[in-house]
N, C-alpha and C. Protein backbone atom coordinates (compact mmCIF):
# COMPACT_ATOMS: atom_id res chain seq x y z
N MET A 1 -87.46 34.75 24.32
CA MET A 1 -87.12 33.33 23.81
C MET A 1 -85.70 33.06 23.18
N LEU A 2 -85.21 34.06 22.51
CA LEU A 2 -83.94 33.87 21.93
C LEU A 2 -82.87 34.15 23.01
N ASN A 3 -83.11 34.77 23.97
CA ASN A 3 -82.13 34.82 25.28
C ASN A 3 -82.00 33.59 25.87
N VAL A 4 -82.88 32.68 25.88
CA VAL A 4 -82.80 31.35 26.59
C VAL A 4 -82.24 30.39 25.84
N LEU A 5 -82.23 30.54 24.44
CA LEU A 5 -81.63 29.44 23.53
C LEU A 5 -80.06 29.25 23.84
N GLY A 6 -79.47 30.52 23.96
CA GLY A 6 -77.93 30.47 24.24
C GLY A 6 -77.62 29.77 25.44
N HIS A 7 -78.48 29.53 26.46
CA HIS A 7 -78.15 28.83 27.73
C HIS A 7 -79.04 27.67 27.96
N PHE A 8 -79.46 27.15 26.81
CA PHE A 8 -80.35 25.97 26.94
C PHE A 8 -79.49 24.93 27.64
N LEU A 9 -78.05 24.63 27.15
CA LEU A 9 -77.51 23.54 27.90
C LEU A 9 -76.18 24.26 28.35
N PRO A 10 -76.01 24.88 29.57
CA PRO A 10 -74.99 25.63 29.92
C PRO A 10 -73.60 24.73 30.05
N GLU A 11 -73.81 23.50 30.27
CA GLU A 11 -72.36 22.76 30.24
C GLU A 11 -72.03 22.48 28.94
N GLU A 12 -72.91 22.61 27.97
CA GLU A 12 -72.33 22.40 26.43
C GLU A 12 -71.77 23.82 26.12
N ASP A 13 -72.32 24.90 26.56
CA ASP A 13 -71.71 26.22 26.26
C ASP A 13 -70.15 26.23 27.03
N ASP A 14 -70.20 25.79 28.09
CA ASP A 14 -68.81 25.86 28.71
C ASP A 14 -67.84 25.02 28.22
N LYS A 15 -68.21 23.75 27.63
CA LYS A 15 -67.35 23.00 26.87
C LYS A 15 -66.92 23.79 25.61
N TYR A 16 -67.91 24.25 24.86
CA TYR A 16 -67.62 24.97 23.70
C TYR A 16 -66.52 26.16 23.96
N LEU A 17 -66.73 26.95 24.96
CA LEU A 17 -66.06 27.92 25.19
C LEU A 17 -64.65 27.52 25.71
N GLU A 18 -64.49 26.41 26.45
CA GLU A 18 -63.07 25.89 26.73
C GLU A 18 -62.49 25.53 25.50
N ARG A 19 -63.20 24.86 24.44
CA ARG A 19 -62.48 24.64 23.36
C ARG A 19 -62.12 25.73 22.42
N VAL A 20 -62.74 26.75 22.39
CA VAL A 20 -62.49 28.07 21.74
C VAL A 20 -61.26 28.58 22.46
N LYS A 21 -61.24 28.76 23.67
CA LYS A 21 -60.18 29.37 24.59
C LYS A 21 -58.96 28.53 24.27
N ALA A 22 -58.99 27.16 24.19
CA ALA A 22 -57.77 26.30 24.02
C ALA A 22 -57.35 26.79 22.67
N ALA A 23 -58.15 26.67 21.79
CA ALA A 23 -57.48 26.85 20.24
C ALA A 23 -57.08 28.27 20.06
N VAL A 24 -57.64 29.21 20.89
CA VAL A 24 -56.96 30.57 20.45
C VAL A 24 -55.66 30.66 21.44
N GLU A 25 -55.61 29.98 22.47
CA GLU A 25 -54.31 29.98 23.14
C GLU A 25 -53.18 29.17 22.39
N GLU A 26 -53.47 28.19 21.67
CA GLU A 26 -52.80 27.33 20.98
C GLU A 26 -52.18 28.05 19.68
N GLU A 27 -53.10 28.92 18.90
CA GLU A 27 -52.77 29.88 17.84
C GLU A 27 -51.89 30.99 18.41
N GLU A 28 -52.02 31.39 19.56
CA GLU A 28 -51.15 32.43 20.21
C GLU A 28 -49.65 31.91 20.44
N ARG A 29 -49.68 30.65 21.08
CA ARG A 29 -48.51 30.01 21.22
C ARG A 29 -47.60 29.77 19.88
N GLN A 30 -48.44 29.35 18.83
CA GLN A 30 -47.59 29.17 17.60
C GLN A 30 -47.24 30.39 16.91
N ALA A 31 -48.09 31.37 17.10
CA ALA A 31 -47.72 32.84 16.67
C ALA A 31 -46.52 33.31 17.21
N ALA A 32 -46.48 33.19 18.56
CA ALA A 32 -45.23 33.60 19.28
C ALA A 32 -44.04 32.80 19.14
N SER A 33 -44.21 31.54 18.86
CA SER A 33 -43.08 30.71 18.39
C SER A 33 -42.56 31.15 16.96
N ALA A 34 -43.37 31.43 16.07
CA ALA A 34 -42.98 31.72 14.74
C ALA A 34 -42.32 33.13 14.73
N ALA A 35 -42.76 33.95 15.61
CA ALA A 35 -42.24 35.31 15.64
C ALA A 35 -40.70 35.12 16.23
N ARG A 36 -40.51 34.21 17.19
CA ARG A 36 -39.19 34.07 17.88
C ARG A 36 -38.25 33.42 16.62
N THR A 37 -38.97 32.49 16.12
CA THR A 37 -38.17 31.78 14.82
C THR A 37 -37.57 32.79 13.93
N ASP A 38 -38.70 33.75 13.39
CA ASP A 38 -38.26 34.60 12.48
C ASP A 38 -37.01 35.71 13.04
N ALA A 39 -37.20 35.96 14.37
CA ALA A 39 -36.20 36.82 14.93
C ALA A 39 -34.95 36.28 14.95
N VAL A 40 -34.85 35.07 15.36
CA VAL A 40 -33.64 34.35 15.32
C VAL A 40 -33.06 34.10 13.91
N LYS A 41 -33.74 33.92 13.06
CA LYS A 41 -33.35 33.70 11.58
C LYS A 41 -32.82 35.12 11.18
N ASP A 42 -33.59 36.27 11.60
CA ASP A 42 -33.09 37.56 11.16
C ASP A 42 -31.70 37.98 11.87
N ALA A 43 -31.58 37.54 13.04
CA ALA A 43 -30.46 37.65 13.78
C ALA A 43 -29.20 36.89 13.20
N ILE A 44 -29.34 35.72 12.82
CA ILE A 44 -28.34 34.97 12.18
C ILE A 44 -27.76 35.59 10.89
N LEU A 45 -28.86 35.91 10.16
CA LEU A 45 -28.51 36.55 8.76
C LEU A 45 -27.84 37.96 8.95
N THR A 46 -28.33 38.73 9.99
CA THR A 46 -27.38 39.85 10.30
C THR A 46 -26.00 39.54 10.72
N ALA A 47 -25.94 38.54 11.69
CA ALA A 47 -24.58 38.31 12.05
C ALA A 47 -23.61 38.02 10.81
N GLU A 48 -24.19 37.00 10.00
CA GLU A 48 -23.62 36.49 8.81
C GLU A 48 -23.01 37.53 7.86
N GLU A 49 -23.94 38.48 7.56
CA GLU A 49 -23.72 39.63 6.79
C GLU A 49 -22.66 40.70 7.36
N SER A 50 -22.53 40.73 8.60
CA SER A 50 -21.65 41.58 9.20
C SER A 50 -20.30 41.01 9.31
N ARG A 51 -20.24 39.76 9.17
CA ARG A 51 -18.86 39.10 9.19
C ARG A 51 -18.16 39.27 7.68
N LYS A 52 -19.11 39.37 6.77
CA LYS A 52 -18.58 39.59 5.28
C LYS A 52 -17.90 40.73 5.06
N PRO A 53 -16.70 40.71 4.53
CA PRO A 53 -16.07 42.15 4.18
C PRO A 53 -16.84 42.81 3.28
N PRO A 54 -16.80 44.11 3.28
CA PRO A 54 -17.58 44.75 2.23
C PRO A 54 -17.12 44.53 0.82
N GLN A 55 -18.03 44.50 -0.10
CA GLN A 55 -17.64 44.10 -1.40
C GLN A 55 -16.88 45.29 -2.14
N ASN A 56 -17.18 46.57 -1.84
CA ASN A 56 -16.55 47.72 -2.53
C ASN A 56 -15.12 47.69 -1.95
N ALA A 57 -14.74 47.49 -0.79
CA ALA A 57 -13.47 47.71 -0.23
C ALA A 57 -12.52 46.74 -0.86
N ASN A 58 -13.06 45.37 -1.01
CA ASN A 58 -12.25 44.30 -1.66
C ASN A 58 -11.78 44.68 -3.14
N SER A 59 -12.85 45.18 -3.79
CA SER A 59 -12.52 45.56 -5.26
C SER A 59 -11.65 46.62 -5.46
N GLN A 60 -11.78 47.61 -4.53
CA GLN A 60 -11.10 48.78 -4.46
C GLN A 60 -9.37 48.37 -3.91
N GLU A 61 -9.43 47.65 -3.19
CA GLU A 61 -8.04 47.22 -2.75
C GLU A 61 -7.44 46.49 -3.87
N GLY A 62 -8.20 45.45 -4.47
CA GLY A 62 -7.49 44.86 -5.51
C GLY A 62 -7.09 45.70 -6.64
N GLY A 63 -7.80 46.69 -6.96
CA GLY A 63 -7.52 47.65 -8.01
C GLY A 63 -6.24 48.45 -7.53
N VAL A 64 -6.06 48.96 -6.41
CA VAL A 64 -4.86 49.59 -5.81
C VAL A 64 -3.66 48.76 -6.18
N ASN A 65 -3.88 47.72 -5.49
CA ASN A 65 -2.71 46.51 -5.64
C ASN A 65 -2.30 46.31 -7.04
N GLN A 66 -3.13 45.96 -7.94
CA GLN A 66 -2.89 45.85 -9.36
C GLN A 66 -2.21 47.11 -10.01
N ARG A 67 -2.60 48.31 -9.59
CA ARG A 67 -1.92 49.42 -10.05
C ARG A 67 -0.41 49.55 -9.61
N ASN A 68 -0.38 49.33 -8.39
CA ASN A 68 0.91 49.30 -7.80
C ASN A 68 2.05 48.42 -8.36
N THR A 69 1.50 47.19 -8.79
CA THR A 69 2.39 46.08 -9.29
C THR A 69 2.78 46.19 -10.57
N ASN A 70 2.02 47.04 -11.31
CA ASN A 70 2.20 47.26 -12.83
C ASN A 70 3.35 48.35 -13.07
């Protein structure tokens, strides 16, 4: 009898499964979009960091220049 209950209204089962499938697909799309967004943000941050001069090189150059001028 329990086996029959799951298929009492097959059209309702089909509708439910379609809704579940659509919800899962939407979550997958959102997750993929979020992953792409995170990857783009990381790429932008990496590019910005690579454009900055190294902090140690600037402080050393400043120190060398100051010693030479005195």
